Protein backbone atom coordinates (compact mmCIF):
# COMPACT_ATOMS: atom_id res chain seq x y z
CA MET A 1 153.77 -92.72 136.57
CA THR A 2 154.10 -96.63 135.08
CA LYS A 3 152.64 -97.06 131.89
CA THR A 4 150.92 -100.36 131.68
CA ALA A 5 152.59 -102.00 128.92
CA VAL A 6 149.63 -103.13 125.86
CA ILE A 7 148.90 -106.71 125.50
CA PRO A 8 147.83 -107.35 121.63
CA ASP A 9 144.70 -108.44 120.80
CA GLN A 10 143.78 -108.96 125.06
CA ASP A 11 140.39 -107.76 124.77
CA ALA A 12 139.74 -110.03 121.80
CA LEU A 13 141.61 -113.15 123.77
CA LYS A 14 139.58 -111.61 127.04
CA ARG A 15 136.02 -112.20 125.53
CA ILE A 16 136.80 -115.62 123.13
CA GLY A 17 137.97 -116.85 126.61
CA ALA A 18 134.61 -116.14 128.05
CA GLN A 19 132.64 -117.06 125.19
CA VAL A 20 134.23 -121.22 124.55
CA ARG A 21 134.96 -121.19 128.41
CA GLN A 22 131.01 -121.42 129.15
CA ARG A 23 130.81 -123.04 126.33
CA LEU A 24 132.42 -125.86 127.46
CA GLU A 25 131.67 -125.62 131.03
CA SER A 26 127.90 -126.14 130.49
CA ASP A 27 128.80 -129.75 128.74
CA PRO A 28 128.80 -132.69 131.25
CA GLU A 29 130.00 -134.72 128.82
CA ILE A 30 133.15 -132.78 128.71
CA TYR A 31 136.34 -133.11 131.61
CA LYS A 32 137.82 -129.90 132.94
CA VAL A 33 141.28 -130.65 134.13
CA PRO A 34 141.68 -129.97 137.99
CA THR A 35 143.91 -126.99 138.24
CA ASP A 36 143.38 -122.88 138.64
CA ILE A 37 146.02 -122.09 136.34
CA ALA A 38 145.36 -123.29 132.60
CA GLU A 39 141.64 -124.15 131.42
CA ILE A 40 142.66 -127.44 129.73
CA PHE A 41 139.52 -129.73 128.38
CA ALA A 42 139.01 -133.39 127.41
CA VAL A 43 136.46 -134.87 125.05
CA PRO A 44 136.63 -138.48 125.42
CA ASN A 45 135.35 -140.37 121.77
CA PHE A 46 135.22 -136.90 119.54
CA LEU A 47 136.40 -138.75 116.48
CA THR A 48 135.28 -143.00 115.87
CA PRO A 49 138.13 -146.02 115.29
CA GLU A 50 137.52 -144.85 111.51
CA GLU A 51 138.32 -141.53 111.50
CA CYS A 52 141.35 -141.86 113.47
CA ARG A 53 142.24 -144.86 110.80
CA ARG A 54 141.56 -142.13 108.20
CA PHE A 55 144.01 -139.38 109.68
CA ILE A 56 146.45 -141.55 110.22
CA ALA A 57 146.81 -142.79 106.03
CA MET A 58 146.37 -139.03 105.13
CA ILE A 59 149.10 -137.99 107.84
CA ASP A 60 151.72 -140.57 106.77
CA VAL A 61 151.13 -138.89 102.33
CA VAL A 62 151.45 -135.09 104.07
CA ALA A 63 154.28 -135.92 106.76
CA ARG A 64 157.50 -134.00 106.25
CA PRO A 65 160.21 -133.02 109.14
CA SER A 66 158.41 -130.19 111.57
CA GLU A 67 158.97 -126.54 111.42
CA LEU A 68 159.10 -123.91 113.73
CA HIS A 69 159.37 -120.02 112.88
CA GLU A 70 163.00 -119.41 112.14
CA THR A 71 163.54 -116.81 115.14
CA ALA A 72 162.40 -119.74 118.04
CA TYR A 73 164.03 -122.34 115.83
CA ILE A 74 166.11 -124.79 118.22
CA GLU A 75 167.73 -128.03 117.07
CA LYS A 76 166.40 -131.01 117.93
CA PHE A 77 163.37 -128.96 119.38
CA ARG A 78 160.96 -130.17 117.24
CA THR A 79 161.14 -133.55 115.50
CA SER A 80 158.50 -135.15 114.94
CA TYR A 81 156.89 -134.96 110.85
CA SER A 82 153.99 -132.93 110.11
CA GLY A 83 151.72 -131.36 107.70
CA ASN A 84 148.33 -129.38 106.93
CA PHE A 85 145.72 -131.17 105.39
CA ASN A 86 143.58 -129.98 102.89
CA PRO A 87 141.31 -127.66 104.02
CA HIS A 88 138.75 -127.62 101.29
CA ASP A 89 138.93 -132.26 101.89
CA PRO A 90 135.31 -132.68 102.32
CA PHE A 91 135.82 -135.36 105.41
CA VAL A 92 138.74 -133.06 106.67
CA LYS A 93 136.53 -129.73 106.24
CA GLY A 94 133.65 -131.98 108.51
CA ILE A 95 135.65 -132.84 111.08
CA SER A 96 136.70 -129.18 110.69
CA ARG A 97 133.46 -127.61 111.34
CA ARG A 98 132.62 -129.98 113.93
CA ILE A 99 135.56 -128.95 116.21
CA ASP A 100 134.43 -125.54 115.29
CA ASP A 101 131.09 -126.65 116.00
CA LEU A 102 131.87 -127.48 119.73
CA LEU A 103 133.97 -124.48 120.67
CA GLY A 104 131.73 -121.98 119.52
CA MET A 105 134.04 -120.38 116.86
CA ASN A 106 134.08 -118.72 114.10
CA PRO A 107 135.24 -121.18 111.34
CA ALA A 108 136.98 -117.96 109.47
CA THR A 109 139.51 -117.71 112.24
CA GLY A 110 140.44 -121.63 112.74
CA GLU A 111 144.13 -122.60 110.90
CA ALA A 112 144.07 -125.75 108.45
CA ILE A 113 144.07 -128.56 110.56
CA GLN A 114 147.33 -130.35 110.57
CA GLY A 115 148.98 -133.39 111.31
CA GLN A 116 151.56 -134.85 113.20
CA ARG A 117 153.10 -138.61 113.57
CA TYR A 118 156.22 -138.75 115.89
CA LEU A 119 158.62 -141.93 115.96
CA PRO A 120 160.50 -143.83 118.28
CA GLY A 121 162.96 -140.89 119.73
CA GLN A 122 161.14 -138.18 118.33
CA GLU A 123 159.35 -135.20 120.88
CA PHE A 124 158.72 -131.23 121.13
CA LYS A 125 159.92 -129.87 123.60
CA PRO A 126 157.96 -127.53 126.31
CA HIS A 127 156.71 -125.01 124.38
CA ASN A 128 153.96 -122.10 124.39
CA ASP A 129 151.53 -122.06 120.82
CA TRP A 130 150.82 -118.37 121.62
CA PHE A 131 153.00 -116.12 119.27
CA TYR A 132 155.82 -113.86 121.61
CA THR A 133 154.84 -110.64 119.81
CA ASP A 134 158.68 -109.36 120.66
CA GLN A 135 159.80 -111.67 117.95
CA GLU A 136 160.30 -110.68 114.61
CA TYR A 137 157.19 -113.16 113.33
CA TRP A 138 154.63 -111.30 114.86
CA LYS A 139 154.65 -108.87 112.39
CA MET A 140 153.49 -111.03 109.62
CA GLU A 141 151.45 -113.33 112.12
CA ARG A 142 149.56 -110.12 113.26
CA LYS A 143 148.27 -109.49 109.79
CA ARG A 144 147.71 -113.04 109.64
CA GLY A 145 144.86 -113.97 112.18
CA GLY A 146 146.19 -112.03 115.23
CA GLN A 147 146.85 -114.16 118.45
CA ARG A 148 146.45 -117.82 118.66
CA CYS A 149 143.43 -118.03 121.32
CA TRP A 150 142.17 -121.91 121.41
CA THR A 151 144.50 -125.23 120.78
CA ALA A 152 142.47 -128.45 119.56
CA MET A 153 144.15 -131.59 119.17
CA ALA A 154 143.26 -135.33 118.68
CA PHE A 155 145.11 -138.41 119.76
CA LEU A 156 144.51 -140.85 117.15
CA ASN A 157 146.45 -143.95 118.14
CA THR A 158 147.11 -145.91 121.13
CA VAL A 159 151.10 -145.26 121.98
CA PRO A 160 152.92 -148.69 123.44
CA GLN A 161 155.09 -146.57 125.81
CA GLY A 162 155.70 -142.55 125.47
CA GLY A 163 154.37 -140.47 123.59
CA HIS A 164 152.43 -137.94 126.61
CA THR A 165 151.01 -134.65 125.84
CA HIS A 166 153.05 -133.12 129.20
CA PHE A 167 151.91 -129.76 130.48
CA THR A 168 154.69 -128.76 132.47
CA HIS A 169 153.64 -126.09 134.84
CA VAL A 170 150.14 -127.97 135.69
CA GLY A 171 151.68 -131.33 136.57
CA ALA A 172 149.43 -133.27 134.05
CA SER A 173 151.03 -135.80 131.65
CA ILE A 174 147.88 -137.37 129.21
CA GLU A 175 148.17 -140.40 127.98
CA PRO A 176 147.32 -140.37 124.27
CA LYS A 177 143.85 -142.46 124.05
CA PRO A 178 142.37 -142.79 120.25
CA GLY A 179 139.36 -140.15 119.55
CA VAL A 180 140.19 -138.16 122.75
CA LEU A 181 139.82 -134.09 121.53
CA LEU A 182 142.18 -132.28 124.01
CA ILE A 183 141.59 -128.01 124.40
CA TRP A 184 142.97 -125.76 125.83
CA ASN A 185 142.96 -121.61 126.22
CA ASN A 186 146.01 -120.18 125.39
CA ALA A 187 145.48 -116.97 127.48
CA LYS A 188 144.29 -116.38 131.16
CA PRO A 189 140.67 -115.04 131.70
CA ASP A 190 141.95 -111.11 131.22
CA GLY A 191 142.99 -112.04 128.05
CA SER A 192 147.17 -112.09 128.89
CA PRO A 193 149.32 -114.83 127.06
CA ASN A 194 149.16 -117.85 129.82
CA GLU A 195 152.82 -118.98 130.54
CA ASP A 196 151.15 -122.11 132.44
CA THR A 197 150.04 -123.60 129.30
CA MET A 198 153.46 -124.65 128.72
CA HIS A 199 153.68 -128.06 127.13
CA ALA A 200 155.41 -130.42 125.56
CA GLY A 201 155.21 -134.04 123.14
CA THR A 202 157.48 -136.21 125.48
CA PRO A 203 159.43 -138.81 123.54
CA VAL A 204 157.94 -141.65 122.17
CA ILE A 205 159.95 -144.44 123.15
CA GLU A 206 157.45 -147.58 121.67
CA GLY A 207 155.28 -147.48 118.86
CA SER A 208 154.36 -144.58 117.18
CA LYS A 209 152.14 -141.42 118.00
CA TYR A 210 149.96 -139.54 115.75
CA VAL A 211 147.94 -136.53 116.60
CA LEU A 212 146.08 -133.60 114.51
CA THR A 213 146.15 -130.09 115.91
CA LYS A 214 143.74 -126.65 115.49
CA TRP A 215 144.03 -123.65 116.26
CA TYR A 216 142.49 -120.66 116.31
CA ARG A 217 143.05 -117.15 116.02
CA THR A 218 141.69 -113.68 117.53
CA ARG A 219 140.58 -112.60 113.72
CA LYS A 220 140.14 -114.20 110.32
CA HIS A 221 142.85 -116.54 109.77
CA ASN A 222 144.57 -116.12 106.16
């Protein structure tokens, strides 16, 4: 008899996935990308133009060359600049809480909001946001809140050319539009990691691209 492989945090991913899915699907203002293989939503005008401008200025202050876990790092895999915002900053805290409330997530499970900047030629090659539990870094991440469940990412500016968010398996290439919040479930409805959430930040060809991202865990993040 073959023993079924245990998927870390599967029950929590299934439960949280169902809660957030129901919440987002019940809101007529939220658009769902038409696909059966991943759960991807878009919220128009989530951030105001002034909020976008303020975040762009903040990213220029905190941005450093982006990093990945050492075991997952490949040279030139992620060539953008990024930095975490101070979670205690009143402005950041207010926006962070708005994202929590939209998804119905416990604020304690959210990571600090990260800002990212892409200049011409910079990109983030196809990747998943969930953690690979067979990698060495998982031992640390398991203690820091467990698996990532949902991702929320907001576009902050118009990019003249390039810089799309491309869900490679879904076949959806989403153009940056200021103020739009993209949300996706990193797991399948059964709580297993969803390979079909593979996505890339395609190279910026002209101009620059600014985004912010907030990831959620299955448990309290620390």
